[in-house]
Amino acid sequence: MEEMKTSKWSIALYEKVGRSYAEFGVFWEDEATFEEASEIFTGVCTPLPPAVAIQEASVKEYAELVEFEIRLFRDNRIIGAFLWPSDIISMCIEDFKSFKTKKFLLRAEVTVPEEVSNDHNEWDVEEVLSIADVNIIDMEPIDVVE
């Protein structure tokens, strides 16, 4: 059986205002086959953008102009892109602001599979928490995250 060829793939989110793009964050980066990378990319191309993008856009003075684009790269070349236009972002911001929410500072013990990076700044938190074992040790209500 022929071995499937792997390449360096990454998925990154970009904030778009007019014709200007700024990288918001890299969600995933790894050696993978085309099929594996496509499956992961398809999983993040949902009708609604990531919550962290909406939270960020909600505090911008020009929030009504913000769009987000997620891109799939192979060896640093764009292979695919998915855009959330400004009207969708504005709708999500209004929805986000309508929620009555609470914030908590958590201290937790998180057990993750070996392949997950040791640097929590690189984590796609929603993805990691879906595969991790989380034991909350302490939880303290807070008004503002510092």
N, C-alpha and C. Protein backbone atom coordinates (compact mmCIF):
# COMPACT_ATOMS: atom_id res chain seq x y z
N MET A 1 0.84 -1.19 0.00
CA MET A 1 0.00 0.00 0.00
C MET A 1 0.89 1.25 0.00
N GLU A 2 0.58 2.19 -0.84
CA GLU A 2 1.36 3.41 -0.99
C GLU A 2 1.15 4.34 0.20
N GLU A 3 2.28 4.89 0.73
CA GLU A 3 2.20 5.81 1.87
C GLU A 3 1.73 7.18 1.39
N MET A 4 0.84 7.80 2.18
CA MET A 4 0.32 9.12 1.81
C MET A 4 1.36 10.19 2.11
N LYS A 5 1.53 11.12 1.18
CA LYS A 5 2.52 12.18 1.31
C LYS A 5 2.03 13.24 2.31
N THR A 6 2.94 13.66 3.19
CA THR A 6 2.60 14.71 4.15
C THR A 6 3.32 16.00 3.78
N SER A 7 2.75 17.10 4.23
CA SER A 7 3.33 18.43 4.04
C SER A 7 3.14 19.20 5.34
N LYS A 8 3.77 20.37 5.43
CA LYS A 8 3.56 21.25 6.57
C LYS A 8 2.29 22.06 6.32
N TRP A 9 1.31 21.92 7.19
CA TRP A 9 0.02 22.60 7.06
C TRP A 9 -0.19 23.52 8.26
N SER A 10 -0.96 24.58 8.06
CA SER A 10 -1.36 25.42 9.19
C SER A 10 -2.72 26.05 8.88
N ILE A 11 -3.41 26.40 9.95
CA ILE A 11 -4.69 27.10 9.86
C ILE A 11 -4.58 28.34 10.73
N ALA A 12 -4.84 29.50 10.12
CA ALA A 12 -4.69 30.76 10.85
C ALA A 12 -5.93 31.63 10.62
N LEU A 13 -6.24 32.43 11.63
CA LEU A 13 -7.36 33.35 11.57
C LEU A 13 -6.83 34.76 11.35
N TYR A 14 -7.47 35.50 10.46
CA TYR A 14 -7.08 36.87 10.14
C TYR A 14 -8.25 37.82 10.37
N GLU A 15 -7.93 38.98 10.94
CA GLU A 15 -8.91 40.06 11.05
C GLU A 15 -8.78 40.89 9.79
N LYS A 16 -9.91 41.18 9.16
CA LYS A 16 -9.91 41.95 7.91
C LYS A 16 -10.74 43.21 8.12
N VAL A 17 -10.14 44.35 7.81
CA VAL A 17 -10.86 45.63 7.83
C VAL A 17 -10.55 46.30 6.49
N GLY A 18 -11.57 46.42 5.66
CA GLY A 18 -11.35 46.94 4.31
C GLY A 18 -10.46 45.99 3.54
N ARG A 19 -9.32 46.52 3.07
CA ARG A 19 -8.37 45.69 2.33
C ARG A 19 -7.18 45.27 3.18
N SER A 20 -7.24 45.58 4.47
CA SER A 20 -6.13 45.30 5.36
C SER A 20 -6.39 44.03 6.18
N TYR A 21 -5.38 43.16 6.22
CA TYR A 21 -5.46 41.92 6.99
C TYR A 21 -4.41 41.93 8.10
N ALA A 22 -4.78 41.40 9.26
CA ALA A 22 -3.83 41.23 10.35
C ALA A 22 -4.03 39.83 10.93
N GLU A 23 -2.93 39.11 11.10
CA GLU A 23 -3.06 37.76 11.66
C GLU A 23 -3.57 37.86 13.09
N PHE A 24 -4.60 37.12 13.38
CA PHE A 24 -5.21 37.09 14.71
C PHE A 24 -4.62 35.96 15.53
N GLY A 25 -4.38 34.83 14.90
CA GLY A 25 -3.80 33.71 15.61
C GLY A 25 -3.72 32.47 14.73
N VAL A 26 -2.77 31.60 15.06
CA VAL A 26 -2.62 30.32 14.37
C VAL A 26 -3.31 29.28 15.24
N PHE A 27 -4.28 28.58 14.65
CA PHE A 27 -5.04 27.58 15.40
C PHE A 27 -4.40 26.20 15.36
N TRP A 28 -3.73 25.90 14.27
CA TRP A 28 -3.18 24.56 14.11
C TRP A 28 -2.02 24.61 13.15
N GLU A 29 -0.99 23.81 13.44
CA GLU A 29 0.18 23.72 12.58
C GLU A 29 0.81 22.35 12.79
N ASP A 30 0.98 21.60 11.68
CA ASP A 30 1.51 20.24 11.83
C ASP A 30 1.83 19.66 10.47
N GLU A 31 2.57 18.57 10.48
CA GLU A 31 2.76 17.76 9.27
C GLU A 31 1.52 16.90 9.14
N ALA A 32 0.94 16.86 7.95
CA ALA A 32 -0.28 16.09 7.74
C ALA A 32 -0.45 15.81 6.25
N THR A 33 -1.35 14.89 5.97
CA THR A 33 -1.72 14.64 4.58
C THR A 33 -2.76 15.68 4.17
N PHE A 34 -2.99 15.78 2.87
CA PHE A 34 -4.01 16.69 2.37
C PHE A 34 -5.36 16.36 3.00
N GLU A 35 -5.69 15.09 3.07
CA GLU A 35 -6.98 14.67 3.61
C GLU A 35 -7.14 15.08 5.08
N GLU A 36 -6.08 14.88 5.89
CA GLU A 36 -6.13 15.25 7.30
C GLU A 36 -6.30 16.75 7.47
N ALA A 37 -5.51 17.53 6.73
CA ALA A 37 -5.58 18.99 6.83
C ALA A 37 -6.95 19.50 6.37
N SER A 38 -7.47 18.93 5.31
CA SER A 38 -8.79 19.34 4.81
C SER A 38 -9.88 19.05 5.83
N GLU A 39 -9.79 17.92 6.50
CA GLU A 39 -10.79 17.57 7.51
C GLU A 39 -10.75 18.56 8.68
N ILE A 40 -9.58 18.92 9.12
CA ILE A 40 -9.45 19.88 10.23
C ILE A 40 -9.97 21.25 9.79
N PHE A 41 -9.61 21.68 8.59
CA PHE A 41 -10.05 22.97 8.08
C PHE A 41 -11.58 23.01 7.97
N THR A 42 -12.16 21.96 7.45
CA THR A 42 -13.62 21.88 7.33
C THR A 42 -14.28 21.99 8.70
N GLY A 43 -13.64 21.44 9.72
CA GLY A 43 -14.18 21.50 11.08
C GLY A 43 -14.22 22.90 11.67
N VAL A 44 -13.33 23.79 11.22
CA VAL A 44 -13.32 25.16 11.76
C VAL A 44 -14.11 26.14 10.89
N CYS A 45 -14.50 25.72 9.71
CA CYS A 45 -15.29 26.58 8.82
C CYS A 45 -16.77 26.40 9.15
N THR A 46 -17.18 27.00 10.23
CA THR A 46 -18.55 26.87 10.72
C THR A 46 -19.33 28.15 10.40
N PRO A 47 -20.65 28.11 10.50
CA PRO A 47 -21.43 29.32 10.23
C PRO A 47 -21.08 30.50 11.13
N LEU A 48 -20.61 30.22 12.34
CA LEU A 48 -20.26 31.29 13.28
C LEU A 48 -18.77 31.29 13.55
N PRO A 49 -18.16 32.47 13.60
CA PRO A 49 -16.72 32.56 13.86
C PRO A 49 -16.39 32.18 15.30
N PRO A 50 -15.10 31.94 15.58
CA PRO A 50 -14.70 31.61 16.95
C PRO A 50 -15.10 32.70 17.95
N ALA A 51 -15.51 32.29 19.12
CA ALA A 51 -15.95 33.23 20.16
C ALA A 51 -14.88 34.26 20.49
N VAL A 52 -13.62 33.85 20.51
CA VAL A 52 -12.54 34.79 20.85
C VAL A 52 -12.46 35.92 19.81
N ALA A 53 -12.78 35.64 18.56
CA ALA A 53 -12.78 36.67 17.52
C ALA A 53 -13.91 37.67 17.77
N ILE A 54 -15.07 37.18 18.15
CA ILE A 54 -16.22 38.05 18.42
C ILE A 54 -15.93 38.93 19.64
N GLN A 55 -15.35 38.34 20.68
CA GLN A 55 -15.00 39.12 21.86
C GLN A 55 -14.04 40.24 21.50
N GLU A 56 -13.04 39.93 20.69
CA GLU A 56 -12.06 40.94 20.27
C GLU A 56 -12.72 42.02 19.43
N ALA A 57 -13.54 41.63 18.47
CA ALA A 57 -14.19 42.60 17.58
C ALA A 57 -15.16 43.50 18.35
N SER A 58 -15.76 42.98 19.41
CA SER A 58 -16.77 43.74 20.15
C SER A 58 -16.21 44.98 20.83
N VAL A 59 -14.90 45.05 21.03
CA VAL A 59 -14.30 46.21 21.69
C VAL A 59 -13.65 47.19 20.71
N LYS A 60 -13.73 46.89 19.44
CA LYS A 60 -13.14 47.76 18.41
C LYS A 60 -14.07 48.94 18.13
N GLU A 61 -13.49 50.12 17.92
CA GLU A 61 -14.28 51.31 17.57
C GLU A 61 -14.94 51.15 16.20
N TYR A 62 -14.33 50.36 15.35
CA TYR A 62 -14.81 50.15 13.99
C TYR A 62 -15.40 48.75 13.83
N ALA A 63 -16.05 48.24 14.87
CA ALA A 63 -16.56 46.86 14.89
C ALA A 63 -17.45 46.53 13.70
N GLU A 64 -18.20 47.50 13.22
CA GLU A 64 -19.12 47.24 12.10
C GLU A 64 -18.38 46.97 10.78
N LEU A 65 -17.07 47.23 10.75
CA LEU A 65 -16.28 47.01 9.54
C LEU A 65 -15.46 45.72 9.58
N VAL A 66 -15.40 45.09 10.75
CA VAL A 66 -14.52 43.94 10.95
C VAL A 66 -15.10 42.69 10.27
N GLU A 67 -14.22 41.99 9.58
CA GLU A 67 -14.52 40.67 9.03
C GLU A 67 -13.42 39.74 9.50
N PHE A 68 -13.68 38.46 9.49
CA PHE A 68 -12.65 37.49 9.84
C PHE A 68 -12.54 36.45 8.74
N GLU A 69 -11.31 36.05 8.49
CA GLU A 69 -11.06 35.05 7.45
C GLU A 69 -10.15 33.98 8.04
N ILE A 70 -10.53 32.74 7.83
CA ILE A 70 -9.67 31.64 8.27
C ILE A 70 -9.02 31.06 7.02
N ARG A 71 -7.73 30.79 7.11
CA ARG A 71 -6.98 30.32 5.94
C ARG A 71 -6.28 29.00 6.23
N LEU A 72 -6.27 28.17 5.20
CA LEU A 72 -5.53 26.91 5.24
C LEU A 72 -4.28 27.09 4.39
N PHE A 73 -3.12 26.83 4.99
CA PHE A 73 -1.83 26.97 4.30
C PHE A 73 -1.16 25.61 4.15
N ARG A 74 -0.53 25.40 3.01
CA ARG A 74 0.37 24.26 2.83
C ARG A 74 1.72 24.84 2.45
N ASP A 75 2.71 24.55 3.25
CA ASP A 75 4.06 25.08 3.02
C ASP A 75 4.03 26.59 2.76
N ASN A 76 3.30 27.31 3.59
CA ASN A 76 3.18 28.78 3.56
C ASN A 76 2.46 29.35 2.34
N ARG A 77 1.74 28.53 1.59
CA ARG A 77 0.91 29.00 0.48
C ARG A 77 -0.55 28.80 0.84
N ILE A 78 -1.38 29.80 0.56
CA ILE A 78 -2.81 29.69 0.87
C ILE A 78 -3.44 28.68 -0.08
N ILE A 79 -4.09 27.69 0.53
CA ILE A 79 -4.76 26.64 -0.24
C ILE A 79 -6.28 26.85 -0.20
N GLY A 80 -6.78 27.37 0.91
CA GLY A 80 -8.21 27.62 1.05
C GLY A 80 -8.46 28.75 2.03
N ALA A 81 -9.63 29.37 1.90
CA ALA A 81 -10.00 30.46 2.81
C ALA A 81 -11.50 30.46 3.00
N PHE A 82 -11.93 30.90 4.18
CA PHE A 82 -13.34 30.99 4.52
C PHE A 82 -13.54 32.33 5.22
N LEU A 83 -14.50 33.13 4.75
CA LEU A 83 -14.70 34.49 5.25
C LEU A 83 -16.02 34.61 6.02
N TRP A 84 -15.95 35.24 7.18
CA TRP A 84 -17.15 35.65 7.91
C TRP A 84 -17.29 37.15 7.65
N PRO A 85 -18.28 37.57 6.84
CA PRO A 85 -18.42 38.99 6.49
C PRO A 85 -18.86 39.84 7.67
N SER A 86 -18.74 41.16 7.50
CA SER A 86 -19.01 42.10 8.59
C SER A 86 -20.45 42.02 9.12
N ASP A 87 -21.42 41.71 8.26
CA ASP A 87 -22.80 41.62 8.77
C ASP A 87 -22.96 40.44 9.73
N ILE A 88 -22.27 39.34 9.47
CA ILE A 88 -22.30 38.18 10.38
C ILE A 88 -21.58 38.54 11.68
N ILE A 89 -20.43 39.21 11.58
CA ILE A 89 -19.67 39.62 12.76
C ILE A 89 -20.52 40.57 13.61
N SER A 90 -21.18 41.55 12.98
CA SER A 90 -22.03 42.50 13.72
C SER A 90 -23.17 41.78 14.43
N MET A 91 -23.79 40.81 13.74
CA MET A 91 -24.86 40.03 14.36
C MET A 91 -24.34 39.25 15.57
N CYS A 92 -23.16 38.67 15.44
CA CYS A 92 -22.57 37.91 16.55
C CYS A 92 -22.20 38.82 17.72
N ILE A 93 -21.72 40.03 17.41
CA ILE A 93 -21.37 41.00 18.46
C ILE A 93 -22.62 41.37 19.25
N GLU A 94 -23.71 41.66 18.56
CA GLU A 94 -24.97 42.01 19.23
C GLU A 94 -25.45 40.85 20.10
N ASP A 95 -25.33 39.65 19.57
CA ASP A 95 -25.72 38.46 20.33
C ASP A 95 -24.82 38.30 21.56
N PHE A 96 -23.52 38.50 21.37
CA PHE A 96 -22.55 38.38 22.46
C PHE A 96 -22.85 39.40 23.56
N LYS A 97 -23.16 40.63 23.17
CA LYS A 97 -23.43 41.69 24.15
C LYS A 97 -24.75 41.46 24.89
N SER A 98 -25.66 40.71 24.29
CA SER A 98 -26.97 40.49 24.93
C SER A 98 -26.92 39.43 26.03
N PHE A 99 -25.86 38.62 26.03
CA PHE A 99 -25.75 37.61 27.07
C PHE A 99 -25.39 38.23 28.40
N LYS A 100 -26.02 37.78 29.44
CA LYS A 100 -25.62 38.16 30.79
C LYS A 100 -24.61 37.11 31.23
N THR A 101 -23.38 37.52 31.36
CA THR A 101 -22.32 36.55 31.64
C THR A 101 -21.60 36.86 32.95
N LYS A 102 -20.90 35.87 33.42
CA LYS A 102 -20.04 36.00 34.59
C LYS A 102 -18.66 35.54 34.17
N LYS A 103 -17.65 36.10 34.81
CA LYS A 103 -16.28 35.68 34.55
C LYS A 103 -15.70 35.08 35.82
N PHE A 104 -14.89 34.04 35.62
CA PHE A 104 -14.25 33.37 36.73
C PHE A 104 -12.78 33.16 36.43
N LEU A 105 -11.97 33.22 37.47
CA LEU A 105 -10.58 32.85 37.37
C LEU A 105 -10.52 31.40 37.85
N LEU A 106 -10.05 30.50 36.97
CA LEU A 106 -10.01 29.08 37.30
C LEU A 106 -8.58 28.62 37.52
N ARG A 107 -8.45 27.70 38.45
CA ARG A 107 -7.21 26.95 38.59
C ARG A 107 -7.61 25.50 38.39
N ALA A 108 -7.00 24.86 37.43
CA ALA A 108 -7.42 23.51 37.08
C ALA A 108 -6.23 22.62 36.78
N GLU A 109 -6.45 21.34 36.95
CA GLU A 109 -5.48 20.34 36.54
C GLU A 109 -6.01 19.78 35.22
N VAL A 110 -5.21 19.89 34.17
CA VAL A 110 -5.63 19.47 32.84
C VAL A 110 -4.69 18.39 32.34
N THR A 111 -5.25 17.23 32.02
CA THR A 111 -4.47 16.13 31.46
C THR A 111 -4.78 16.04 29.98
N VAL A 112 -3.73 16.19 29.16
CA VAL A 112 -3.91 16.20 27.71
C VAL A 112 -3.09 15.08 27.07
N PRO A 113 -3.48 14.65 25.87
CA PRO A 113 -2.68 13.64 25.17
C PRO A 113 -1.27 14.15 24.87
N GLU A 114 -0.34 13.22 24.68
CA GLU A 114 1.07 13.54 24.43
C GLU A 114 1.27 14.53 23.28
N GLU A 115 0.46 14.43 22.22
CA GLU A 115 0.68 15.25 21.02
C GLU A 115 0.31 16.72 21.21
N VAL A 116 -0.35 17.07 22.30
CA VAL A 116 -0.73 18.46 22.56
C VAL A 116 0.50 19.22 23.06
N SER A 117 0.71 20.41 22.51
CA SER A 117 1.86 21.24 22.86
C SER A 117 1.91 21.52 24.36
N ASN A 118 3.10 21.63 24.88
CA ASN A 118 3.28 21.99 26.29
C ASN A 118 3.04 23.48 26.54
N ASP A 119 3.01 24.26 25.48
CA ASP A 119 2.79 25.70 25.59
C ASP A 119 1.29 26.00 25.45
N HIS A 120 0.62 26.33 26.56
CA HIS A 120 -0.82 26.56 26.53
C HIS A 120 -1.21 27.74 25.65
N ASN A 121 -0.27 28.63 25.34
CA ASN A 121 -0.56 29.76 24.44
C ASN A 121 -0.80 29.30 23.01
N GLU A 122 -0.36 28.11 22.68
CA GLU A 122 -0.55 27.56 21.34
C GLU A 122 -1.85 26.75 21.22
N TRP A 123 -2.53 26.54 22.32
CA TRP A 123 -3.73 25.70 22.31
C TRP A 123 -4.92 26.37 21.66
N ASP A 124 -5.70 25.60 20.93
CA ASP A 124 -7.06 25.96 20.58
C ASP A 124 -7.85 25.42 21.77
N VAL A 125 -8.17 26.29 22.71
CA VAL A 125 -8.71 25.88 24.00
C VAL A 125 -9.95 25.00 23.85
N GLU A 126 -10.87 25.40 22.96
CA GLU A 126 -12.08 24.60 22.78
C GLU A 126 -11.75 23.18 22.32
N GLU A 127 -10.80 23.06 21.38
CA GLU A 127 -10.41 21.74 20.88
C GLU A 127 -9.71 20.93 21.97
N VAL A 128 -8.78 21.56 22.69
CA VAL A 128 -8.05 20.84 23.74
C VAL A 128 -8.99 20.39 24.85
N LEU A 129 -9.91 21.27 25.25
CA LEU A 129 -10.82 20.88 26.32
C LEU A 129 -11.77 19.76 25.90
N SER A 130 -12.00 19.62 24.60
CA SER A 130 -12.87 18.55 24.14
C SER A 130 -12.19 17.18 24.24
N ILE A 131 -10.85 17.16 24.31
CA ILE A 131 -10.13 15.89 24.39
C ILE A 131 -9.38 15.73 25.72
N ALA A 132 -9.40 16.75 26.56
CA ALA A 132 -8.65 16.73 27.81
C ALA A 132 -9.50 16.25 28.98
N ASP A 133 -8.81 15.85 30.02
CA ASP A 133 -9.45 15.54 31.29
C ASP A 133 -9.20 16.75 32.20
N VAL A 134 -10.26 17.45 32.59
CA VAL A 134 -10.13 18.69 33.35
C VAL A 134 -10.70 18.50 34.75
N ASN A 135 -9.88 18.83 35.74
CA ASN A 135 -10.30 18.78 37.13
C ASN A 135 -10.14 20.19 37.71
N ILE A 136 -11.26 20.89 37.96
CA ILE A 136 -11.20 22.25 38.49
C ILE A 136 -10.85 22.18 39.97
N ILE A 137 -9.78 22.87 40.33
CA ILE A 137 -9.29 22.87 41.70
C ILE A 137 -9.86 24.06 42.48
N ASP A 138 -9.91 25.22 41.81
CA ASP A 138 -10.40 26.43 42.48
C ASP A 138 -11.05 27.33 41.44
N MET A 139 -12.09 28.07 41.86
CA MET A 139 -12.80 28.96 40.96
C MET A 139 -13.17 30.21 41.74
N GLU A 140 -12.75 31.38 41.21
CA GLU A 140 -12.99 32.64 41.91
C GLU A 140 -13.69 33.62 40.95
N PRO A 141 -14.85 34.15 41.34
CA PRO A 141 -15.52 35.13 40.46
C PRO A 141 -14.69 36.40 40.34
N ILE A 142 -14.66 36.98 39.13
CA ILE A 142 -13.93 38.23 38.90
C ILE A 142 -14.75 39.09 37.97
N ASP A 143 -14.52 40.39 37.99
CA ASP A 143 -15.21 41.30 37.09
C ASP A 143 -14.44 41.50 35.79
N VAL A 144 -13.11 41.59 35.89
CA VAL A 144 -12.28 41.88 34.73
C VAL A 144 -11.12 40.91 34.74
N VAL A 145 -10.83 40.32 33.58
CA VAL A 145 -9.67 39.47 33.45
C VAL A 145 -8.46 40.35 33.20
N GLU A 146 -7.45 40.21 34.02
CA GLU A 146 -6.24 41.04 33.87
C GLU A 146 -5.15 40.27 33.20
